[in-house]
Amino acid sequence: MERIDLLRLIHKALRHAILTVSLESGCVDYADTEATKRLDEAWMLLRENLAHHAHQENVIILPLLDARAPGETYKLTRDHDRIEKLEADMTGLLNRLDAETGTGHRLESRRALT
C-alpha cells in the first residue's frame, strides 16, 4: 500500500507561494500605490494560508507525530512561532509602507523589505 504523504506537497506549494511573493516584492515599483496595494494583498493572502496551514499542523499533525515520537515536535512548534513573528514583522513593514506617502519614504521602506 502506498504511503500518504501529508507534508511534502503542501510545503512545496507554500514554498512556491513564498518565493512568488518574495520575487514580486523585489520587482514592485514602491512609488506606485496600486502596485504596492497588489503586493500587500498577495502578502495578506499568503499570510492567511500560512496561518491556516500552521494551525492545521499544530492541531492535527504535530499531536499525531508527538504521540509516536514524544518531544520530537518541539522544534517544529518553535519554528511555527518564529515564522509567525516574521510574518507579523513583514505585515508591519507593509503597513508602514502603505502609510508613507512620499517616494523617498517608499524607497527607504523598500530597502527594509529586501
PDB file of N, CA and C in Angstrom:
ATOM      1  N   MET A   1       0.836  -1.177   0.000  1.00  0.00           N
ATOM      2  CA  MET A   1       0.000   0.000   0.000  1.00  0.00           C
ATOM      3  C   MET A   1       0.888   1.249   0.000  1.00  0.00           C
ATOM      4  N   GLU A   2       0.540   2.193  -0.854  1.00  0.00           N
ATOM      5  CA  GLU A   2       1.330   3.417  -0.946  1.00  0.00           C
ATOM      6  C   GLU A   2       1.060   4.308   0.262  1.00  0.00           C
ATOM      7  N   ARG A   3       2.121   4.823   0.815  1.00  0.00           N
ATOM      8  CA  ARG A   3       2.035   5.693   1.985  1.00  0.00           C
ATOM      9  C   ARG A   3       1.563   7.093   1.577  1.00  0.00           C
ATOM     10  N   ILE A   4       0.660   7.671   2.332  1.00  0.00           N
ATOM     11  CA  ILE A   4       0.162   9.011   2.066  1.00  0.00           C
ATOM     12  C   ILE A   4       1.153  10.019   2.634  1.00  0.00           C
ATOM     13  N   ASP A   5       1.558  10.947   1.790  1.00  0.00           N
ATOM     14  CA  ASP A   5       2.499  11.980   2.206  1.00  0.00           C
ATOM     15  C   ASP A   5       1.713  13.238   2.552  1.00  0.00           C
ATOM     16  N   LEU A   6       1.612  13.534   3.838  1.00  0.00           N
ATOM     17  CA  LEU A   6       0.835  14.679   4.298  1.00  0.00           C
ATOM     18  C   LEU A   6       1.630  15.980   4.330  1.00  0.00           C
ATOM     19  N   LEU A   7       2.916  15.908   4.082  1.00  0.00           N
ATOM     20  CA  LEU A   7       3.744  17.096   4.274  1.00  0.00           C
ATOM     21  C   LEU A   7       4.396  17.641   3.009  1.00  0.00           C
ATOM     22  N   ARG A   8       4.873  16.770   2.156  1.00  0.00           N
ATOM     23  CA  ARG A   8       5.716  17.214   1.046  1.00  0.00           C
ATOM     24  C   ARG A   8       5.006  18.166   0.084  1.00  0.00           C
ATOM     25  N   LEU A   9       3.837  17.802  -0.417  1.00  0.00           N
ATOM     26  CA  LEU A   9       3.190  18.612  -1.442  1.00  0.00           C
ATOM     27  C   LEU A   9       2.732  19.974  -0.917  1.00  0.00           C
ATOM     28  N   ILE A  10       2.150  20.011   0.262  1.00  0.00           N
ATOM     29  CA  ILE A  10       1.687  21.295   0.788  1.00  0.00           C
ATOM     30  C   ILE A  10       2.862  22.222   1.075  1.00  0.00           C
ATOM     31  N   HIS A  11       3.956  21.663   1.598  1.00  0.00           N
ATOM     32  CA  HIS A  11       5.122  22.510   1.859  1.00  0.00           C
ATOM     33  C   HIS A  11       5.758  22.995   0.560  1.00  0.00           C
ATOM     34  N   LYS A  12       5.721  22.164  -0.457  1.00  0.00           N
ATOM     35  CA  LYS A  12       6.236  22.576  -1.763  1.00  0.00           C
ATOM     36  C   LYS A  12       5.393  23.735  -2.311  1.00  0.00           C
ATOM     37  N   ALA A  13       4.078  23.635  -2.182  1.00  0.00           N
ATOM     38  CA  ALA A  13       3.189  24.710  -2.650  1.00  0.00           C
ATOM     39  C   ALA A  13       3.407  25.994  -1.853  1.00  0.00           C
ATOM     40  N   LEU A  14       3.575  25.866  -0.539  1.00  0.00           N
ATOM     41  CA  LEU A  14       3.815  27.053   0.288  1.00  0.00           C
ATOM     42  C   LEU A  14       5.149  27.702  -0.051  1.00  0.00           C
ATOM     43  N   ARG A  15       6.186  26.895  -0.277  1.00  0.00           N
ATOM     44  CA  ARG A  15       7.488  27.462  -0.665  1.00  0.00           C
ATOM     45  C   ARG A  15       7.369  28.218  -1.992  1.00  0.00           C
ATOM     46  N   HIS A  16       6.603  27.662  -2.932  1.00  0.00           N
ATOM     47  CA  HIS A  16       6.398  28.332  -4.219  1.00  0.00           C
ATOM     48  C   HIS A  16       5.687  29.670  -4.020  1.00  0.00           C
ATOM     49  N   ALA A  17       4.657  29.693  -3.186  1.00  0.00           N
ATOM     50  CA  ALA A  17       3.919  30.933  -2.923  1.00  0.00           C
ATOM     51  C   ALA A  17       4.817  31.969  -2.246  1.00  0.00           C
ATOM     52  N   ILE A  18       5.639  31.522  -1.300  1.00  0.00           N
ATOM     53  CA  ILE A  18       6.565  32.435  -0.618  1.00  0.00           C
ATOM     54  C   ILE A  18       7.559  33.011  -1.620  1.00  0.00           C
ATOM     55  N   LEU A  19       8.109  32.173  -2.473  1.00  0.00           N
ATOM     56  CA  LEU A  19       9.068  32.630  -3.478  1.00  0.00           C
ATOM     57  C   LEU A  19       8.416  33.634  -4.431  1.00  0.00           C
ATOM     58  N   THR A  20       7.193  33.355  -4.843  1.00  0.00           N
ATOM     59  CA  THR A  20       6.490  34.246  -5.760  1.00  0.00           C
ATOM     60  C   THR A  20       6.293  35.631  -5.144  1.00  0.00           C
ATOM     61  N   VAL A  21       5.819  35.682  -3.903  1.00  0.00           N
ATOM     62  CA  VAL A  21       5.625  36.973  -3.239  1.00  0.00           C
ATOM     63  C   VAL A  21       6.968  37.665  -3.010  1.00  0.00           C
ATOM     64  N   SER A  22       7.981  36.896  -2.690  1.00  0.00           N
ATOM     65  CA  SER A  22       9.316  37.468  -2.496  1.00  0.00           C
ATOM     66  C   SER A  22       9.837  38.097  -3.788  1.00  0.00           C
ATOM     67  N   LEU A  23       9.690  37.397  -4.892  1.00  0.00           N
ATOM     68  CA  LEU A  23      10.120  37.943  -6.181  1.00  0.00           C
ATOM     69  C   LEU A  23       9.330  39.196  -6.541  1.00  0.00           C
ATOM     70  N   GLU A  24       8.019  39.160  -6.291  1.00  0.00           N
ATOM     71  CA  GLU A  24       7.187  40.338  -6.573  1.00  0.00           C
ATOM     72  C   GLU A  24       7.640  41.526  -5.731  1.00  0.00           C
ATOM     73  N   SER A  25       8.006  41.280  -4.480  1.00  0.00           N
ATOM     74  CA  SER A  25       8.418  42.382  -3.608  1.00  0.00           C
ATOM     75  C   SER A  25       9.721  43.008  -4.090  1.00  0.00           C
ATOM     76  N   GLY A  26      10.547  42.230  -4.769  1.00  0.00           N
ATOM     77  CA  GLY A  26      11.791  42.769  -5.297  1.00  0.00           C
ATOM     78  C   GLY A  26      11.624  43.500  -6.610  1.00  0.00           C
ATOM     79  N   CYS A  27      10.516  43.265  -7.295  1.00  0.00           N
ATOM     80  CA  CYS A  27      10.288  43.873  -8.610  1.00  0.00           C
ATOM     81  C   CYS A  27       9.307  45.041  -8.587  1.00  0.00           C
ATOM     82  N   VAL A  28       8.526  45.145  -7.529  1.00  0.00           N
ATOM     83  CA  VAL A  28       7.460  46.155  -7.499  1.00  0.00           C
ATOM     84  C   VAL A  28       8.041  47.573  -7.454  1.00  0.00           C
ATOM     85  N   ASP A  29       7.351  48.484  -8.082  1.00  0.00           N
ATOM     86  CA  ASP A  29       7.705  49.903  -8.018  1.00  0.00           C
ATOM     87  C   ASP A  29       7.039  50.458  -6.764  1.00  0.00           C
ATOM     88  N   TYR A  30       7.819  50.717  -5.738  1.00  0.00           N
ATOM     89  CA  TYR A  30       7.268  51.142  -4.453  1.00  0.00           C
ATOM     90  C   TYR A  30       6.735  52.568  -4.482  1.00  0.00           C
ATOM     91  N   ALA A  31       6.968  53.286  -5.572  1.00  0.00           N
ATOM     92  CA  ALA A  31       6.375  54.611  -5.729  1.00  0.00           C
ATOM     93  C   ALA A  31       4.969  54.501  -6.325  1.00  0.00           C
ATOM     94  N   ASP A  32       4.613  53.309  -6.794  1.00  0.00           N
ATOM     95  CA  ASP A  32       3.310  53.059  -7.417  1.00  0.00           C
ATOM     96  C   ASP A  32       2.347  52.511  -6.362  1.00  0.00           C
ATOM     97  N   THR A  33       1.393  53.327  -5.961  1.00  0.00           N
ATOM     98  CA  THR A  33       0.457  52.947  -4.901  1.00  0.00           C
ATOM     99  C   THR A  33      -0.320  51.685  -5.256  1.00  0.00           C
ATOM    100  N   GLU A  34      -0.765  51.579  -6.499  1.00  0.00           N
ATOM    101  CA  GLU A  34      -1.539  50.392  -6.902  1.00  0.00           C
ATOM    102  C   GLU A  34      -0.674  49.128  -6.869  1.00  0.00           C
ATOM    103  N   ALA A  35       0.573  49.257  -7.267  1.00  0.00           N
ATOM    104  CA  ALA A  35       1.476  48.100  -7.251  1.00  0.00           C
ATOM    105  C   ALA A  35       1.742  47.639  -5.823  1.00  0.00           C
ATOM    106  N   THR A  36       1.939  48.590  -4.923  1.00  0.00           N
ATOM    107  CA  THR A  36       2.180  48.196  -3.531  1.00  0.00           C
ATOM    108  C   THR A  36       0.914  47.628  -2.909  1.00  0.00           C
ATOM    109  N   LYS A  37      -0.239  48.107  -3.336  1.00  0.00           N
ATOM    110  CA  LYS A  37      -1.506  47.549  -2.843  1.00  0.00           C
ATOM    111  C   LYS A  37      -1.644  46.095  -3.286  1.00  0.00           C
ATOM    112  N   ARG A  38      -1.306  45.810  -4.536  1.00  0.00           N
ATOM    113  CA  ARG A  38      -1.368  44.426  -5.025  1.00  0.00           C
ATOM    114  C   ARG A  38      -0.401  43.523  -4.257  1.00  0.00           C
ATOM    115  N   LEU A  39       0.795  44.040  -3.978  1.00  0.00           N
ATOM    116  CA  LEU A  39       1.766  43.269  -3.198  1.00  0.00           C
ATOM    117  C   LEU A  39       1.221  43.003  -1.797  1.00  0.00           C
ATOM    118  N   ASP A  40       0.635  44.010  -1.195  1.00  0.00           N
ATOM    119  CA  ASP A  40       0.053  43.854   0.130  1.00  0.00           C
ATOM    120  C   ASP A  40      -1.044  42.798   0.125  1.00  0.00           C
ATOM    121  N   GLU A  41      -1.894  42.819  -0.888  1.00  0.00           N
ATOM    122  CA  GLU A  41      -2.972  41.825  -0.992  1.00  0.00           C
ATOM    123  C   GLU A  41      -2.402  40.418  -1.173  1.00  0.00           C
ATOM    124  N   ALA A  42      -1.370  40.290  -2.006  1.00  0.00           N
ATOM    125  CA  ALA A  42      -0.734  38.984  -2.206  1.00  0.00           C
ATOM    126  C   ALA A  42      -0.120  38.484  -0.901  1.00  0.00           C
ATOM    127  N   TRP A  43       0.530  39.393  -0.170  1.00  0.00           N
ATOM    128  CA  TRP A  43       1.131  39.026   1.112  1.00  0.00           C
ATOM    129  C   TRP A  43       0.068  38.589   2.112  1.00  0.00           C
ATOM    130  N   MET A  44      -1.034  39.347   2.205  1.00  0.00           N
ATOM    131  CA  MET A  44      -2.068  39.007   3.181  1.00  0.00           C
ATOM    132  C   MET A  44      -2.698  37.652   2.864  1.00  0.00           C
ATOM    133  N   LEU A  45      -2.889  37.341   1.591  1.00  0.00           N
ATOM    134  CA  LEU A  45      -3.412  36.022   1.218  1.00  0.00           C
ATOM    135  C   LEU A  45      -2.411  34.936   1.594  1.00  0.00           C
ATOM    136  N   LEU A  46      -1.140  35.164   1.302  1.00  0.00           N
ATOM    137  CA  LEU A  46      -0.108  34.197   1.674  1.00  0.00           C
ATOM    138  C   LEU A  46      -0.075  34.008   3.189  1.00  0.00           C
ATOM    139  N   ARG A  47      -0.105  35.111   3.919  1.00  0.00           N
ATOM    140  CA  ARG A  47      -0.056  35.017   5.385  1.00  0.00           C
ATOM    141  C   ARG A  47      -1.261  34.250   5.920  1.00  0.00           C
ATOM    142  N   GLU A  48      -2.423  34.491   5.347  1.00  0.00           N
ATOM    143  CA  GLU A  48      -3.623  33.762   5.765  1.00  0.00           C
ATOM    144  C   GLU A  48      -3.457  32.259   5.519  1.00  0.00           C
ATOM    145  N   ASN A  49      -2.919  31.906   4.349  1.00  0.00           N
ATOM    146  CA  ASN A  49      -2.697  30.492   4.035  1.00  0.00           C
ATOM    147  C   ASN A  49      -1.651  29.865   4.955  1.00  0.00           C
ATOM    148  N   LEU A  50      -0.581  30.607   5.248  1.00  0.00           N
ATOM    149  CA  LEU A  50       0.443  30.103   6.159  1.00  0.00           C
ATOM    150  C   LEU A  50      -0.130  29.887   7.562  1.00  0.00           C
ATOM    151  N   ALA A  51      -0.944  30.823   8.025  1.00  0.00           N
ATOM    152  CA  ALA A  51      -1.542  30.699   9.360  1.00  0.00           C
ATOM    153  C   ALA A  51      -2.490  29.513   9.418  1.00  0.00           C
ATOM    154  N   HIS A  52      -3.298  29.350   8.383  1.00  0.00           N
ATOM    155  CA  HIS A  52      -4.224  28.206   8.338  1.00  0.00           C
ATOM    156  C   HIS A  52      -3.441  26.897   8.341  1.00  0.00           C
ATOM    157  N   HIS A  53      -2.397  26.855   7.536  1.00  0.00           N
ATOM    158  CA  HIS A  53      -1.570  25.644   7.460  1.00  0.00           C
ATOM    159  C   HIS A  53      -0.917  25.337   8.810  1.00  0.00           C
ATOM    160  N   ALA A  54      -0.339  26.343   9.438  1.00  0.00           N
ATOM    161  CA  ALA A  54       0.319  26.131  10.731  1.00  0.00           C
ATOM    162  C   ALA A  54      -0.688  25.665  11.774  1.00  0.00           C
ATOM    163  N   HIS A  55      -1.871  26.250  11.758  1.00  0.00           N
ATOM    164  CA  HIS A  55      -2.910  25.831  12.708  1.00  0.00           C
ATOM    165  C   HIS A  55      -3.265  24.356  12.506  1.00  0.00           C
ATOM    166  N   GLN A  56      -3.460  23.956  11.252  1.00  0.00           N
ATOM    167  CA  GLN A  56      -3.794  22.558  10.964  1.00  0.00           C
ATOM    168  C   GLN A  56      -2.667  21.621  11.410  1.00  0.00           C
ATOM    169  N   GLU A  57      -1.434  22.016  11.155  1.00  0.00           N
ATOM    170  CA  GLU A  57      -0.307  21.185  11.603  1.00  0.00           C
ATOM    171  C   GLU A  57      -0.273  21.102  13.126  1.00  0.00           C
ATOM    172  N   ASN A  58      -0.449  22.248  13.792  1.00  0.00           N
ATOM    173  CA  ASN A  58      -0.392  22.273  15.255  1.00  0.00           C
ATOM    174  C   ASN A  58      -1.510  21.460  15.892  1.00  0.00           C
ATOM    175  N   VAL A  59      -2.684  21.471  15.294  1.00  0.00           N
ATOM    176  CA  VAL A  59      -3.851  20.810  15.879  1.00  0.00           C
ATOM    177  C   VAL A  59      -3.946  19.330  15.480  1.00  0.00           C
ATOM    178  N   ILE A  60      -3.551  19.009  14.258  1.00  0.00           N
ATOM    179  CA  ILE A  60      -3.751  17.638  13.767  1.00  0.00           C
ATOM    180  C   ILE A  60      -2.442  16.859  13.643  1.00  0.00           C
ATOM    181  N   ILE A  61      -1.524  17.365  12.850  1.00  0.00           N
ATOM    182  CA  ILE A  61      -0.319  16.605  12.500  1.00  0.00           C
ATOM    183  C   ILE A  61       0.648  16.466  13.668  1.00  0.00           C
ATOM    184  N   LEU A  62       0.995  17.576  14.305  1.00  0.00           N
ATOM    185  CA  LEU A  62       2.011  17.527  15.360  1.00  0.00           C
ATOM    186  C   LEU A  62       1.605  16.664  16.552  1.00  0.00           C
ATOM    187  N   PRO A  63       0.349  16.697  17.008  1.00  0.00           N
ATOM    188  CA  PRO A  63      -0.023  15.781  18.096  1.00  0.00           C
ATOM    189  C   PRO A  63       0.119  14.303  17.704  1.00  0.00           C
ATOM    190  N   LEU A  64      -0.193  13.981  16.455  1.00  0.00           N
ATOM    191  CA  LEU A  64      -0.031  12.595  15.997  1.00  0.00           C
ATOM    192  C   LEU A  64       1.448  12.206  15.965  1.00  0.00           C
ATOM    193  N   LEU A  65       2.276  13.111  15.476  1.00  0.00           N
ATOM    194  CA  LEU A  65       3.721  12.846  15.464  1.00  0.00           C
ATOM    195  C   LEU A  65       4.276  12.751  16.883  1.00  0.00           C
ATOM    196  N   ASP A  66       3.822  13.634  17.741  1.00  0.00           N
ATOM    197  CA  ASP A  66       4.304  13.640  19.117  1.00  0.00           C
ATOM    198  C   ASP A  66       3.912  12.366  19.857  1.00  0.00           C
ATOM    199  N   ALA A  67       2.768  11.811  19.524  1.00  0.00           N
ATOM    200  CA  ALA A  67       2.339  10.552  20.151  1.00  0.00           C
ATOM    201  C   ALA A  67       3.280   9.403  19.771  1.00  0.00           C
ATOM    202  N   ARG A  68       3.809   9.459  18.570  1.00  0.00           N
ATOM    203  CA  ARG A  68       4.729   8.407  18.111  1.00  0.00           C
ATOM    204  C   ARG A  68       6.174   8.662  18.515  1.00  0.00           C
ATOM    205  N   ALA A  69       6.534   9.940  18.634  1.00  0.00           N
ATOM    206  CA  ALA A  69       7.912  10.303  18.989  1.00  0.00           C
ATOM    207  C   ALA A  69       7.858  11.492  19.949  1.00  0.00           C
ATOM    208  N   PRO A  70       7.572  11.225  21.221  1.00  0.00           N
ATOM    209  CA  PRO A  70       7.422  12.311  22.198  1.00  0.00           C
ATOM    210  C   PRO A  70       8.627  13.253  22.219  1.00  0.00           C
ATOM    211  N   GLY A  71       8.313  14.561  22.198  1.00  0.00           N
ATOM    212  CA  GLY A  71       9.356  15.587  22.266  1.00  0.00           C
ATOM    213  C   GLY A  71       9.974  15.966  20.935  1.00  0.00           C
ATOM    214  N   GLU A  72       9.727  15.170  19.919  1.00  0.00           N
ATOM    215  CA  GLU A  72      10.362  15.423  18.615  1.00  0.00           C
ATOM    216  C   GLU A  72       9.706  16.565  17.845  1.00  0.00           C
ATOM    217  N   THR A  73       8.517  16.984  18.259  1.00  0.00           N
ATOM    218  CA  THR A  73       7.825  18.048  17.529  1.00  0.00           C
ATOM    219  C   THR A  73       8.117  19.431  18.108  1.00  0.00           C
ATOM    220  N   TYR A  74       8.902  19.487  19.172  1.00  0.00           N
ATOM    221  CA  TYR A  74       9.194  20.772  19.808  1.00  0.00           C
ATOM    222  C   TYR A  74       9.801  21.754  18.811  1.00  0.00           C
ATOM    223  N   LYS A  75      10.770  21.301  18.034  1.00  0.00           N
ATOM    224  CA  LYS A  75      11.431  22.187  17.073  1.00  0.00           C
ATOM    225  C   LYS A  75      10.434  22.695  16.033  1.00  0.00           C
ATOM    226  N   LEU A  76       9.536  21.846  15.577  1.00  0.00           N
ATOM    227  CA  LEU A  76       8.541  22.273  14.594  1.00  0.00           C
ATOM    228  C   LEU A  76       7.608  23.331  15.185  1.00  0.00           C
ATOM    229  N   THR A  77       7.188  23.132  16.416  1.00  0.00           N
ATOM    230  CA  THR A  77       6.332  24.102  17.088  1.00  0.00           C
ATOM    231  C   THR A  77       7.071  25.427  17.257  1.00  0.00           C
ATOM    232  N   ARG A  78       8.328  25.351  17.648  1.00  0.00           N
ATOM    233  CA  ARG A  78       9.152  26.554  17.798  1.00  0.00           C
ATOM    234  C   ARG A  78       9.325  27.260  16.456  1.00  0.00           C
ATOM    235  N   ASP A  79       9.503  26.481  15.384  1.00  0.00           N
ATOM    236  CA  ASP A  79       9.621  27.069  14.045  1.00  0.00           C
ATOM    237  C   ASP A  79       8.346  27.819  13.666  1.00  0.00           C
ATOM    238  N   HIS A  80       7.203  27.234  13.982  1.00  0.00           N
ATOM    239  CA  HIS A  80       5.934  27.914  13.690  1.00  0.00           C
ATOM    240  C   HIS A  80       5.850  29.243  14.439  1.00  0.00           C
ATOM    241  N   ASP A  81       6.295  29.264  15.686  1.00  0.00           N
ATOM    242  CA  ASP A  81       6.286  30.509  16.467  1.00  0.00           C
ATOM    243  C   ASP A  81       7.199  31.555  15.834  1.00  0.00           C
ATOM    244  N   ARG A  82       8.375  31.123  15.376  1.00  0.00           N
ATOM    245  CA  ARG A  82       9.319  32.055  14.737  1.00  0.00           C
ATOM    246  C   ARG A  82       8.752  32.596  13.426  1.00  0.00           C
ATOM    247  N   ILE A  83       8.151  31.707  12.653  1.00  0.00           N
ATOM    248  CA  ILE A  83       7.568  32.123  11.373  1.00  0.00           C
ATOM    249  C   ILE A  83       6.435  33.115  11.606  1.00  0.00           C
ATOM    250  N   GLU A  84       5.618  32.864  12.613  1.00  0.00           N
ATOM    251  CA  GLU A  84       4.531  33.787  12.936  1.00  0.00           C
ATOM    252  C   GLU A  84       5.076  35.172  13.285  1.00  0.00           C
ATOM    253  N   LYS A  85       6.177  35.224  14.011  1.00  0.00           N
ATOM    254  CA  LYS A  85       6.812  36.501  14.364  1.00  0.00           C
ATOM    255  C   LYS A  85       7.327  37.200  13.110  1.00  0.00           C
ATOM    256  N   LEU A  86       7.969  36.457  12.219  1.00  0.00           N
ATOM    257  CA  LEU A  86       8.468  37.040  10.976  1.00  0.00           C
ATOM    258  C   LEU A  86       7.314  37.562  10.108  1.00  0.00           C
ATOM    259  N   GLU A  87       6.208  36.812  10.084  1.00  0.00           N
ATOM    260  CA  GLU A  87       5.039  37.255   9.329  1.00  0.00           C
ATOM    261  C   GLU A  87       4.510  38.573   9.897  1.00  0.00           C
ATOM    262  N   ALA A  88       4.444  38.682  11.211  1.00  0.00           N
ATOM    263  CA  ALA A  88       3.967  39.914  11.844  1.00  0.00           C
ATOM    264  C   ALA A  88       4.903  41.079  11.518  1.00  0.00           C
ATOM    265  N   ASP A  89       6.207  40.821  11.528  1.00  0.00           N
ATOM    266  CA  ASP A  89       7.178  41.865  11.189  1.00  0.00           C
ATOM    267  C   ASP A  89       6.986  42.333   9.742  1.00  0.00           C
ATOM    268  N   MET A  90       6.795  41.377   8.833  1.00  0.00           N
ATOM    269  CA  MET A  90       6.594  41.713   7.426  1.00  0.00           C
ATOM    270  C   MET A  90       5.312  42.525   7.250  1.00  0.00           C
ATOM    271  N   THR A  91       4.263  42.123   7.923  1.00  0.00           N
ATOM    272  CA  THR A  91       3.000  42.862   7.844  1.00  0.00           C
ATOM    273  C   THR A  91       3.191  44.280   8.369  1.00  0.00           C
ATOM    274  N   GLY A  92       3.950  44.432   9.445  1.00  0.00           N
ATOM    275  CA  GLY A  92       4.239  45.760   9.982  1.00  0.00           C
ATOM    276  C   GLY A  92       4.978  46.630   8.978  1.00  0.00           C
ATOM    277  N   LEU A  93       5.949  46.047   8.289  1.00  0.00           N
ATOM    278  CA  LEU A  93       6.683  46.804   7.267  1.00  0.00           C
ATOM    279  C   LEU A  93       5.759  47.227   6.128  1.00  0.00           C
ATOM    280  N   LEU A  94       4.895  46.316   5.694  1.00  0.00           N
ATOM    281  CA  LEU A  94       3.974  46.659   4.612  1.00  0.00           C
ATOM    282  C   LEU A  94       2.965  47.715   5.055  1.00  0.00           C
ATOM    283  N   ASN A  95       2.518  47.634   6.292  1.00  0.00           N
ATOM    284  CA  ASN A  95       1.602  48.657   6.806  1.00  0.00           C
ATOM    285  C   ASN A  95       2.295  50.011   6.858  1.00  0.00           C
ATOM    286  N   ARG A  96       3.568  50.006   7.278  1.00  0.00           N
ATOM    287  CA  ARG A  96       4.336  51.251   7.313  1.00  0.00           C
ATOM    288  C   ARG A  96       4.502  51.800   5.900  1.00  0.00           C
ATOM    289  N   LEU A  97       4.784  50.933   4.961  1.00  0.00           N
ATOM    290  CA  LEU A  97       4.926  51.337   3.567  1.00  0.00           C
ATOM    291  C   LEU A  97       3.635  51.954   3.054  1.00  0.00           C
ATOM    292  N   ASP A  98       2.518  51.347   3.398  1.00  0.00           N
ATOM    293  CA  ASP A  98       1.217  51.852   2.974  1.00  0.00           C
ATOM    294  C   ASP A  98       0.949  53.233   3.560  1.00  0.00           C
ATOM    295  N   ALA A  99       1.429  53.476   4.767  1.00  0.00           N
ATOM    296  CA  ALA A  99       1.186  54.747   5.443  1.00  0.00           C
ATOM    297  C   ALA A  99       2.073  55.867   4.896  1.00  0.00           C
ATOM    298  N   GLU A 100       3.202  55.507   4.322  1.00  0.00           N
ATOM    299  CA  GLU A 100       4.121  56.518   3.780  1.00  0.00           C
ATOM    300  C   GLU A 100       3.570  57.061   2.462  1.00  0.00           C
ATOM    301  N   THR A 101       3.749  58.327   2.231  1.00  0.00           N
ATOM    302  CA  THR A 101       3.203  58.903   1.005  1.00  0.00           C
ATOM    303  C   THR A 101       4.274  59.338   0.017  1.00  0.00           C
ATOM    304  N   GLY A 102       5.431  59.740   0.474  1.00  0.00           N
ATOM    305  CA  GLY A 102       6.457  60.245  -0.429  1.00  0.00           C
ATOM    306  C   GLY A 102       7.271  59.129  -1.056  1.00  0.00           C
ATOM    307  N   THR A 103       7.740  59.358  -2.268  1.00  0.00           N
ATOM    308  CA  THR A 103       8.555  58.380  -2.972  1.00  0.00           C
ATOM    309  C   THR A 103       9.803  58.032  -2.175  1.00  0.00           C
ATOM    310  N   GLY A 104      10.431  59.007  -1.567  1.00  0.00           N
ATOM    311  CA  GLY A 104      11.631  58.750  -0.771  1.00  0.00           C
ATOM    312  C   GLY A 104      11.351  57.804   0.378  1.00  0.00           C
ATOM    313  N   HIS A 105      10.211  57.999   1.034  1.00  0.00           N
ATOM    314  CA  HIS A 105       9.831  57.103   2.125  1.00  0.00           C
ATOM    315  C   HIS A 105       9.573  55.700   1.605  1.00  0.00           C
ATOM    316  N   ARG A 106       8.932  55.605   0.434  1.00  0.00           N
ATOM    317  CA  ARG A 106       8.646  54.285  -0.135  1.00  0.00           C
ATOM    318  C   ARG A 106       9.950  53.564  -0.493  1.00  0.00           C
ATOM    319  N   LEU A 107      10.898  54.274  -1.057  1.00  0.00           N
ATOM    320  CA  LEU A 107      12.168  53.645  -1.408  1.00  0.00           C
ATOM    321  C   LEU A 107      12.919  53.206  -0.161  1.00  0.00           C
ATOM    322  N   GLU A 108      12.872  54.014   0.884  1.00  0.00           N
ATOM    323  CA  GLU A 108      13.508  53.645   2.150  1.00  0.00           C
ATOM    324  C   GLU A 108      12.845  52.390   2.725  1.00  0.00           C
ATOM    325  N   SER A 109      11.526  52.333   2.670  1.00  0.00           N
ATOM    326  CA  SER A 109      10.803  51.164   3.158  1.00  0.00           C
ATOM    327  C   SER A 109      11.123  49.935   2.316  1.00  0.00           C
ATOM    328  N   ARG A 110      11.304  50.130   1.007  1.00  0.00           N
ATOM    329  CA  ARG A 110      11.647  49.011   0.125  1.00  0.00           C
ATOM    330  C   ARG A 110      12.954  48.379   0.574  1.00  0.00           C
ATOM    331  N   ARG A 111      13.928  49.219   0.944  1.00  0.00           N
ATOM    332  CA  ARG A 111      15.220  48.686   1.399  1.00  0.00           C
ATOM    333  C   ARG A 111      15.048  47.817   2.632  1.00  0.00           C
ATOM    334  N   ALA A 112      14.108  48.159   3.486  1.00  0.00           N
ATOM    335  CA  ALA A 112      13.865  47.375   4.695  1.00  0.00           C
ATOM    336  C   ALA A 112      13.273  46.027   4.343  1.00  0.00           C
ATOM    337  N   LEU A 113      12.544  45.926   3.235  1.00  0.00           N
ATOM    338  CA  LEU A 113      11.906  44.669   2.832  1.00  0.00           C
ATOM    339  C   LEU A 113      12.880  43.724   2.141  1.00  0.00           C
ATOM    340  N   THR A 114      13.896  44.272   1.482  1.00  0.00           N
ATOM    341  CA  THR A 114      14.780  43.409   0.687  1.00  0.00           C
ATOM    342  C   THR A 114      16.080  43.144   1.382  1.00  0.00           C
TER     343      THR A 114
END
